[in-house]
Structure formats: structure tokens, C-alpha cells
Amino acid sequence: MKSGCATCKLHAYADKKPDSFIARFWRWHTKWCPGWKAYQRELSERQKAEGQGTGQESDRSETPEG
């Protein structure tokens, strides 16, 4: 993937501690971050490609809660 969201330390910390200030900051920044939007597009395209090959869709979601 082109974006660094999958390996982002801030993203990982927010996933581990969803009630922390860092997690709230991370969720806030995903609302306007062009990198996050590109990451979501990449995930969507990958899921479509995987779904076409197997006939099944992945249930993995990488969207922030909030």
C-alpha cells in the first residue's frame, strides 16, 4: 500500500487505547487527512479484487470509530 496508515504508530496506539487523547486526535485527523482517504480507497480496491477472485468479501474493517 502506498499510504503509511497500516504501519502508523499513532494509528496502532489509537487502536490499543481507544479512549485516550491520542485516539481522539487520530480519529479527528482522519476526517480531513488525504492520506487516510487514500488508504481507505486502497483497502476498498483490495477488498473488491479479493472478493472477485474468491466470490467472498472480507469482513476486515479499518475505519475509525467515533
Protein backbone atom coordinates (compact mmCIF):
# COMPACT_ATOMS: atom_id res chain seq x y z
CA MET A 1 0.00 0.00 0.00
CA LYS A 2 1.16 3.48 -0.77
CA SER A 3 -0.09 5.22 2.37
CA GLY A 4 1.59 4.67 5.72
CA CYS A 5 -1.62 4.25 7.71
CA ALA A 6 -1.26 0.48 8.07
CA THR A 7 2.11 0.91 9.81
CA CYS A 8 1.44 4.25 11.54
CA LYS A 9 2.45 4.22 15.23
CA LEU A 10 -0.26 6.76 16.04
CA HIS A 11 -2.88 4.51 14.43
CA ALA A 12 -1.61 1.46 16.35
CA TYR A 13 -1.65 3.34 19.66
CA ALA A 14 -5.19 4.60 18.98
CA ASP A 15 -6.31 1.02 18.32
CA LYS A 16 -4.77 -0.18 21.58
CA LYS A 17 -6.13 2.67 23.71
CA PRO A 18 -9.34 3.93 22.06
CA ASP A 19 -10.30 6.18 24.99
CA SER A 20 -7.00 8.08 25.07
CA PHE A 21 -6.44 11.64 23.91
CA ILE A 22 -4.17 10.30 21.15
CA ALA A 23 -7.00 8.11 19.84
CA ARG A 24 -9.42 11.06 19.81
CA PHE A 25 -6.83 13.16 18.00
CA TRP A 26 -6.23 10.37 15.48
CA ARG A 27 -9.97 9.94 14.77
CA TRP A 28 -10.34 13.71 14.38
CA HIS A 29 -7.48 13.91 11.88
CA THR A 30 -8.91 11.05 9.76
CA LYS A 31 -11.89 13.26 8.91
CA TRP A 32 -9.71 15.55 6.76
CA CYS A 33 -6.46 13.63 6.18
CA PRO A 34 -5.88 12.98 2.45
CA GLY A 35 -3.58 10.08 3.33
CA TRP A 36 -6.35 8.36 5.32
CA LYS A 37 -8.78 8.82 2.43
CA ALA A 38 -6.24 7.28 0.05
CA TYR A 39 -5.73 4.40 2.50
CA GLN A 40 -9.48 3.74 2.62
CA ARG A 41 -9.61 3.75 -1.19
CA GLU A 42 -6.71 1.27 -1.32
CA LEU A 43 -8.47 -1.04 1.16
CA SER A 44 -11.69 -0.85 -0.81
CA GLU A 45 -9.94 -1.66 -4.07
CA ARG A 46 -8.07 -4.55 -2.47
CA GLN A 47 -11.26 -5.97 -0.97
CA LYS A 48 -13.00 -5.76 -4.34
CA ALA A 49 -10.09 -7.53 -6.02
CA GLU A 50 -10.02 -10.26 -3.35
CA GLY A 51 -13.80 -10.61 -3.48
CA GLN A 52 -13.79 -11.07 -7.25
CA GLY A 53 -11.21 -13.82 -7.03
CA THR A 54 -12.91 -15.88 -4.32
CA GLY A 55 -16.53 -14.82 -4.52
CA GLN A 56 -16.37 -13.73 -0.88
CA GLU A 57 -15.89 -10.34 0.71
CA SER A 58 -13.52 -9.70 3.57
CA ASP A 59 -15.09 -8.68 6.88
CA ARG A 60 -11.99 -6.74 7.96
CA SER A 61 -12.67 -3.08 8.59
CA GLU A 62 -10.06 -0.35 9.09
CA THR A 63 -12.36 2.57 9.76
CA PRO A 64 -12.11 4.60 12.94
CA GLU A 65 -14.90 4.51 15.46
CA GLY A 66 -16.26 7.75 16.70
